[in-house]
Amino acid sequence: MVTREEILVLGLTAGVTGSLVGGLMLGIGMGLVVQGAHIGWLLVLPGAPVGGMLGYLLARKLAKKLG
């Protein structure tokens, strides 16, 4: 059975890793766009969905413990 502590750790881990990955993609992408390299948009646009996907994958890993 999944405990309350594991759910809390999942939330914290998903939030931190999602923010770091999404923020890095946003920062590097915007830096490229400002410099005139339009390829930076390929990093900026999927930044938030990639961060959310990490949380989703962590939640699926925790859900496997239930089964």
PDB file of N, CA and C in Angstrom:
ATOM      1  N   MET A   1       0.837  -1.183   0.000  1.00  0.00           N
ATOM      2  CA  MET A   1       0.000   0.000   0.000  1.00  0.00           C
ATOM      3  C   MET A   1       0.883   1.249   0.000  1.00  0.00           C
ATOM      4  N   VAL A   2       0.459   2.229  -0.731  1.00  0.00           N
ATOM      5  CA  VAL A   2       1.191   3.489  -0.824  1.00  0.00           C
ATOM      6  C   VAL A   2       0.877   4.323   0.417  1.00  0.00           C
ATOM      7  N   THR A   3       1.917   4.842   1.027  1.00  0.00           N
ATOM      8  CA  THR A   3       1.729   5.637   2.240  1.00  0.00           C
ATOM      9  C   THR A   3       1.619   7.116   1.900  1.00  0.00           C
ATOM     10  N   ARG A   4       1.222   7.859   2.899  1.00  0.00           N
ATOM     11  CA  ARG A   4       1.090   9.300   2.736  1.00  0.00           C
ATOM     12  C   ARG A   4       2.445   9.938   2.437  1.00  0.00           C
ATOM     13  N   GLU A   5       3.489   9.400   3.062  1.00  0.00           N
ATOM     14  CA  GLU A   5       4.844   9.914   2.850  1.00  0.00           C
ATOM     15  C   GLU A   5       5.286   9.753   1.401  1.00  0.00           C
ATOM     16  N   GLU A   6       4.978   8.611   0.799  1.00  0.00           N
ATOM     17  CA  GLU A   6       5.357   8.376  -0.595  1.00  0.00           C
ATOM     18  C   GLU A   6       4.633   9.328  -1.542  1.00  0.00           C
ATOM     19  N   ILE A   7       3.389   9.629  -1.252  1.00  0.00           N
ATOM     20  CA  ILE A   7       2.642  10.564  -2.085  1.00  0.00           C
ATOM     21  C   ILE A   7       3.223  11.979  -1.954  1.00  0.00           C
ATOM     22  N   LEU A   8       3.593  12.352  -0.746  1.00  0.00           N
ATOM     23  CA  LEU A   8       4.214  13.655  -0.526  1.00  0.00           C
ATOM     24  C   LEU A   8       5.542  13.764  -1.262  1.00  0.00           C
ATOM     25  N   VAL A   9       6.362  12.720  -1.162  1.00  0.00           N
ATOM     26  CA  VAL A   9       7.654  12.718  -1.852  1.00  0.00           C
ATOM     27  C   VAL A   9       7.451  12.764  -3.357  1.00  0.00           C
ATOM     28  N   LEU A  10       6.435  12.061  -3.858  1.00  0.00           N
ATOM     29  CA  LEU A  10       6.129  12.101  -5.284  1.00  0.00           C
ATOM     30  C   LEU A  10       5.801  13.526  -5.723  1.00  0.00           C
ATOM     31  N   GLY A  11       4.975  14.214  -4.958  1.00  0.00           N
ATOM     32  CA  GLY A  11       4.611  15.585  -5.307  1.00  0.00           C
ATOM     33  C   GLY A  11       5.808  16.521  -5.300  1.00  0.00           C
ATOM     34  N   LEU A  12       6.631  16.403  -4.285  1.00  0.00           N
ATOM     35  CA  LEU A  12       7.814  17.252  -4.206  1.00  0.00           C
ATOM     36  C   LEU A  12       8.799  16.939  -5.333  1.00  0.00           C
ATOM     37  N   THR A  13       9.034  15.671  -5.585  1.00  0.00           N
ATOM     38  CA  THR A  13       9.965  15.275  -6.638  1.00  0.00           C
ATOM     39  C   THR A  13       9.475  15.720  -8.011  1.00  0.00           C
ATOM     40  N   ALA A  14       8.191  15.501  -8.267  1.00  0.00           N
ATOM     41  CA  ALA A  14       7.632  15.897  -9.561  1.00  0.00           C
ATOM     42  C   ALA A  14       7.702  17.409  -9.740  1.00  0.00           C
ATOM     43  N   GLY A  15       7.419  18.155  -8.683  1.00  0.00           N
ATOM     44  CA  GLY A  15       7.468  19.606  -8.775  1.00  0.00           C
ATOM     45  C   GLY A  15       8.872  20.131  -9.020  1.00  0.00           C
ATOM     46  N   VAL A  16       9.829  19.588  -8.294  1.00  0.00           N
ATOM     47  CA  VAL A  16      11.206  20.064  -8.427  1.00  0.00           C
ATOM     48  C   VAL A  16      11.793  19.679  -9.779  1.00  0.00           C
ATOM     49  N   THR A  17      11.666  18.411 -10.172  1.00  0.00           N
ATOM     50  CA  THR A  17      12.256  17.996 -11.455  1.00  0.00           C
ATOM     51  C   THR A  17      11.543  18.668 -12.627  1.00  0.00           C
ATOM     52  N   GLY A  18      10.232  18.795 -12.548  1.00  0.00           N
ATOM     53  CA  GLY A  18       9.494  19.464 -13.616  1.00  0.00           C
ATOM     54  C   GLY A  18       9.897  20.919 -13.759  1.00  0.00           C
ATOM     55  N   SER A  19      10.059  21.590 -12.633  1.00  0.00           N
ATOM     56  CA  SER A  19      10.468  22.992 -12.673  1.00  0.00           C
ATOM     57  C   SER A  19      11.877  23.154 -13.215  1.00  0.00           C
ATOM     58  N   LEU A  20      12.773  22.285 -12.790  1.00  0.00           N
ATOM     59  CA  LEU A  20      14.154  22.380 -13.259  1.00  0.00           C
ATOM     60  C   LEU A  20      14.263  22.122 -14.757  1.00  0.00           C
ATOM     61  N   VAL A  21      13.651  21.047 -15.206  1.00  0.00           N
ATOM     62  CA  VAL A  21      13.745  20.701 -16.626  1.00  0.00           C
ATOM     63  C   VAL A  21      13.028  21.744 -17.487  1.00  0.00           C
ATOM     64  N   GLY A  22      11.799  22.093 -17.097  1.00  0.00           N
ATOM     65  CA  GLY A  22      11.054  23.095 -17.860  1.00  0.00           C
ATOM     66  C   GLY A  22      11.735  24.456 -17.846  1.00  0.00           C
ATOM     67  N   GLY A  23      12.267  24.840 -16.704  1.00  0.00           N
ATOM     68  CA  GLY A  23      12.951  26.119 -16.599  1.00  0.00           C
ATOM     69  C   GLY A  23      14.232  26.170 -17.413  1.00  0.00           C
ATOM     70  N   LEU A  24      14.985  25.077 -17.393  1.00  0.00           N
ATOM     71  CA  LEU A  24      16.199  25.026 -18.202  1.00  0.00           C
ATOM     72  C   LEU A  24      15.882  25.098 -19.686  1.00  0.00           C
ATOM     73  N   MET A  25      14.863  24.371 -20.104  1.00  0.00           N
ATOM     74  CA  MET A  25      14.477  24.416 -21.517  1.00  0.00           C
ATOM     75  C   MET A  25      14.022  25.815 -21.904  1.00  0.00           C
ATOM     76  N   LEU A  26      13.248  26.449 -21.028  1.00  0.00           N
ATOM     77  CA  LEU A  26      12.781  27.803 -21.302  1.00  0.00           C
ATOM     78  C   LEU A  26      13.947  28.784 -21.358  1.00  0.00           C
ATOM     79  N   GLY A  27      14.843  28.699 -20.391  1.00  0.00           N
ATOM     80  CA  GLY A  27      15.968  29.625 -20.340  1.00  0.00           C
ATOM     81  C   GLY A  27      16.915  29.497 -21.515  1.00  0.00           C
ATOM     82  N   ILE A  28      17.287  28.274 -21.831  1.00  0.00           N
ATOM     83  CA  ILE A  28      18.202  28.058 -22.957  1.00  0.00           C
ATOM     84  C   ILE A  28      17.519  28.434 -24.278  1.00  0.00           C
ATOM     85  N   GLY A  29      16.258  28.041 -24.423  1.00  0.00           N
ATOM     86  CA  GLY A  29      15.524  28.370 -25.646  1.00  0.00           C
ATOM     87  C   GLY A  29      15.359  29.863 -25.847  1.00  0.00           C
ATOM     88  N   MET A  30      15.008  30.578 -24.785  1.00  0.00           N
ATOM     89  CA  MET A  30      14.844  32.034 -24.913  1.00  0.00           C
ATOM     90  C   MET A  30      16.185  32.714 -25.191  1.00  0.00           C
ATOM     91  N   GLY A  31      17.255  32.172 -24.614  1.00  0.00           N
ATOM     92  CA  GLY A  31      18.577  32.708 -24.914  1.00  0.00           C
ATOM     93  C   GLY A  31      18.916  32.575 -26.383  1.00  0.00           C
ATOM     94  N   LEU A  32      18.579  31.441 -26.957  1.00  0.00           N
ATOM     95  CA  LEU A  32      18.823  31.231 -28.380  1.00  0.00           C
ATOM     96  C   LEU A  32      17.957  32.148 -29.241  1.00  0.00           C
ATOM     97  N   VAL A  33      16.697  32.302 -28.854  1.00  0.00           N
ATOM     98  CA  VAL A  33      15.786  33.155 -29.629  1.00  0.00           C
ATOM     99  C   VAL A  33      16.263  34.603 -29.599  1.00  0.00           C
ATOM    100  N   VAL A  34      16.696  35.074 -28.441  1.00  0.00           N
ATOM    101  CA  VAL A  34      17.166  36.456 -28.316  1.00  0.00           C
ATOM    102  C   VAL A  34      18.417  36.674 -29.167  1.00  0.00           C
ATOM    103  N   GLN A  35      19.239  35.647 -29.293  1.00  0.00           N
ATOM    104  CA  GLN A  35      20.450  35.753 -30.101  1.00  0.00           C
ATOM    105  C   GLN A  35      20.153  35.659 -31.599  1.00  0.00           C
ATOM    106  N   GLY A  36      18.918  35.357 -31.946  1.00  0.00           N
ATOM    107  CA  GLY A  36      18.525  35.311 -33.350  1.00  0.00           C
ATOM    108  C   GLY A  36      18.441  33.906 -33.920  1.00  0.00           C
ATOM    109  N   ALA A  37      18.668  32.889 -33.092  1.00  0.00           N
ATOM    110  CA  ALA A  37      18.568  31.507 -33.569  1.00  0.00           C
ATOM    111  C   ALA A  37      17.139  31.014 -33.316  1.00  0.00           C
ATOM    112  N   HIS A  38      16.379  30.912 -34.363  1.00  0.00           N
ATOM    113  CA  HIS A  38      14.974  30.530 -34.223  1.00  0.00           C
ATOM    114  C   HIS A  38      14.791  29.078 -33.811  1.00  0.00           C
ATOM    115  N   ILE A  39      15.846  28.303 -33.837  1.00  0.00           N
ATOM    116  CA  ILE A  39      15.772  26.907 -33.382  1.00  0.00           C
ATOM    117  C   ILE A  39      15.464  26.843 -31.880  1.00  0.00           C
ATOM    118  N   GLY A  40      15.691  27.955 -31.184  1.00  0.00           N
ATOM    119  CA  GLY A  40      15.395  28.007 -29.754  1.00  0.00           C
ATOM    120  C   GLY A  40      13.930  27.784 -29.439  1.00  0.00           C
ATOM    121  N   TRP A  41      13.052  28.077 -30.377  1.00  0.00           N
ATOM    122  CA  TRP A  41      11.619  27.833 -30.156  1.00  0.00           C
ATOM    123  C   TRP A  41      11.326  26.358 -29.964  1.00  0.00           C
ATOM    124  N   LEU A  42      12.186  25.493 -30.497  1.00  0.00           N
ATOM    125  CA  LEU A  42      11.993  24.054 -30.301  1.00  0.00           C
ATOM    126  C   LEU A  42      12.253  23.643 -28.857  1.00  0.00           C
ATOM    127  N   LEU A  43      12.943  24.468 -28.109  1.00  0.00           N
ATOM    128  CA  LEU A  43      13.134  24.216 -26.680  1.00  0.00           C
ATOM    129  C   LEU A  43      12.092  24.942 -25.834  1.00  0.00           C
ATOM    130  N   VAL A  44      11.700  26.127 -26.264  1.00  0.00           N
ATOM    131  CA  VAL A  44      10.773  26.934 -25.462  1.00  0.00           C
ATOM    132  C   VAL A  44       9.372  26.320 -25.450  1.00  0.00           C
ATOM    133  N   LEU A  45       8.857  25.978 -26.601  1.00  0.00           N
ATOM    134  CA  LEU A  45       7.457  25.541 -26.695  1.00  0.00           C
ATOM    135  C   LEU A  45       7.143  24.254 -25.930  1.00  0.00           C
ATOM    136  N   PRO A  46       7.980  23.208 -25.997  1.00  0.00           N
ATOM    137  CA  PRO A  46       7.625  21.996 -25.250  1.00  0.00           C
ATOM    138  C   PRO A  46       8.134  21.985 -23.811  1.00  0.00           C
ATOM    139  N   GLY A  47       8.615  23.100 -23.285  1.00  0.00           N
ATOM    140  CA  GLY A  47       9.181  23.132 -21.935  1.00  0.00           C
ATOM    141  C   GLY A  47       8.189  22.701 -20.861  1.00  0.00           C
ATOM    142  N   ALA A  48       7.007  23.280 -20.853  1.00  0.00           N
ATOM    143  CA  ALA A  48       6.006  22.949 -19.830  1.00  0.00           C
ATOM    144  C   ALA A  48       5.468  21.521 -19.977  1.00  0.00           C
ATOM    145  N   PRO A  49       5.119  21.066 -21.181  1.00  0.00           N
ATOM    146  CA  PRO A  49       4.641  19.682 -21.287  1.00  0.00           C
ATOM    147  C   PRO A  49       5.684  18.648 -20.878  1.00  0.00           C
ATOM    148  N   VAL A  50       6.944  18.910 -21.166  1.00  0.00           N
ATOM    149  CA  VAL A  50       7.991  17.954 -20.768  1.00  0.00           C
ATOM    150  C   VAL A  50       8.102  17.909 -19.251  1.00  0.00           C
ATOM    151  N   GLY A  51       8.018  19.067 -18.608  1.00  0.00           N
ATOM    152  CA  GLY A  51       8.050  19.104 -17.147  1.00  0.00           C
ATOM    153  C   GLY A  51       6.879  18.341 -16.541  1.00  0.00           C
ATOM    154  N   GLY A  52       5.702  18.502 -17.112  1.00  0.00           N
ATOM    155  CA  GLY A  52       4.532  17.770 -16.636  1.00  0.00           C
ATOM    156  C   GLY A  52       4.627  16.279 -16.895  1.00  0.00           C
ATOM    157  N   MET A  53       5.247  15.904 -18.005  1.00  0.00           N
ATOM    158  CA  MET A  53       5.391  14.485 -18.342  1.00  0.00           C
ATOM    159  C   MET A  53       6.265  13.768 -17.317  1.00  0.00           C
ATOM    160  N   LEU A  54       7.259  14.456 -16.785  1.00  0.00           N
ATOM    161  CA  LEU A  54       8.092  13.843 -15.751  1.00  0.00           C
ATOM    162  C   LEU A  54       7.270  13.500 -14.515  1.00  0.00           C
ATOM    163  N   GLY A  55       6.396  14.415 -14.117  1.00  0.00           N
ATOM    164  CA  GLY A  55       5.517  14.139 -12.987  1.00  0.00           C
ATOM    165  C   GLY A  55       4.585  12.972 -13.263  1.00  0.00           C
ATOM    166  N   TYR A  56       4.082  12.900 -14.474  1.00  0.00           N
ATOM    167  CA  TYR A  56       3.199  11.796 -14.863  1.00  0.00           C
ATOM    168  C   TYR A  56       3.930  10.460 -14.788  1.00  0.00           C
ATOM    169  N   LEU A  57       5.168  10.422 -15.265  1.00  0.00           N
ATOM    170  CA  LEU A  57       5.940   9.180 -15.222  1.00  0.00           C
ATOM    171  C   LEU A  57       6.247   8.764 -13.790  1.00  0.00           C
ATOM    172  N   LEU A  58       6.545   9.726 -12.939  1.00  0.00           N
ATOM    173  CA  LEU A  58       6.783   9.405 -11.533  1.00  0.00           C
ATOM    174  C   LEU A  58       5.510   8.868 -10.870  1.00  0.00           C
ATOM    175  N   ALA A  59       4.356   9.431 -11.208  1.00  0.00           N
ATOM    176  CA  ALA A  59       3.091   8.960 -10.646  1.00  0.00           C
ATOM    177  C   ALA A  59       2.767   7.544 -11.119  1.00  0.00           C
ATOM    178  N   ARG A  60       3.069   7.242 -12.375  1.00  0.00           N
ATOM    179  CA  ARG A  60       2.828   5.873 -12.871  1.00  0.00           C
ATOM    180  C   ARG A  60       3.710   4.873 -12.155  1.00  0.00           C
ATOM    181  N   LYS A  61       4.947   5.280 -11.865  1.00  0.00           N
ATOM    182  CA  LYS A  61       5.874   4.400 -11.131  1.00  0.00           C
ATOM    183  C   LYS A  61       5.317   4.100  -9.744  1.00  0.00           C
ATOM    184  N   LEU A  62       4.770   5.120  -9.092  1.00  0.00           N
ATOM    185  CA  LEU A  62       4.188   4.914  -7.769  1.00  0.00           C
ATOM    186  C   LEU A  62       2.916   4.075  -7.848  1.00  0.00           C
ATOM    187  N   ALA A  63       2.137   4.255  -8.899  1.00  0.00           N
ATOM    188  CA  ALA A  63       0.884   3.499  -9.054  1.00  0.00           C
ATOM    189  C   ALA A  63       1.148   2.014  -9.274  1.00  0.00           C
ATOM    190  N   LYS A  64       2.304   1.671  -9.848  1.00  0.00           N
ATOM    191  CA  LYS A  64       2.633   0.258 -10.041  1.00  0.00           C
ATOM    192  C   LYS A  64       2.792  -0.461  -8.704  1.00  0.00           C
ATOM    193  N   LYS A  65       3.154   0.277  -7.663  1.00  0.00           N
ATOM    194  CA  LYS A  65       3.294  -0.330  -6.333  1.00  0.00           C
ATOM    195  C   LYS A  65       1.954  -0.825  -5.794  1.00  0.00           C
ATOM    196  N   LEU A  66       0.876  -0.190  -6.223  1.00  0.00           N
ATOM    197  CA  LEU A  66      -0.440  -0.584  -5.744  1.00  0.00           C
ATOM    198  C   LEU A  66      -0.849  -1.957  -6.255  1.00  0.00           C
ATOM    199  N   GLY A  67      -0.431  -2.270  -7.467  1.00  0.00           N
ATOM    200  CA  GLY A  67      -0.882  -3.498  -8.124  1.00  0.00           C
ATOM    201  C   GLY A  67      -0.155  -4.722  -7.788  1.00  0.00           C
TER     202      GLY A  67
END
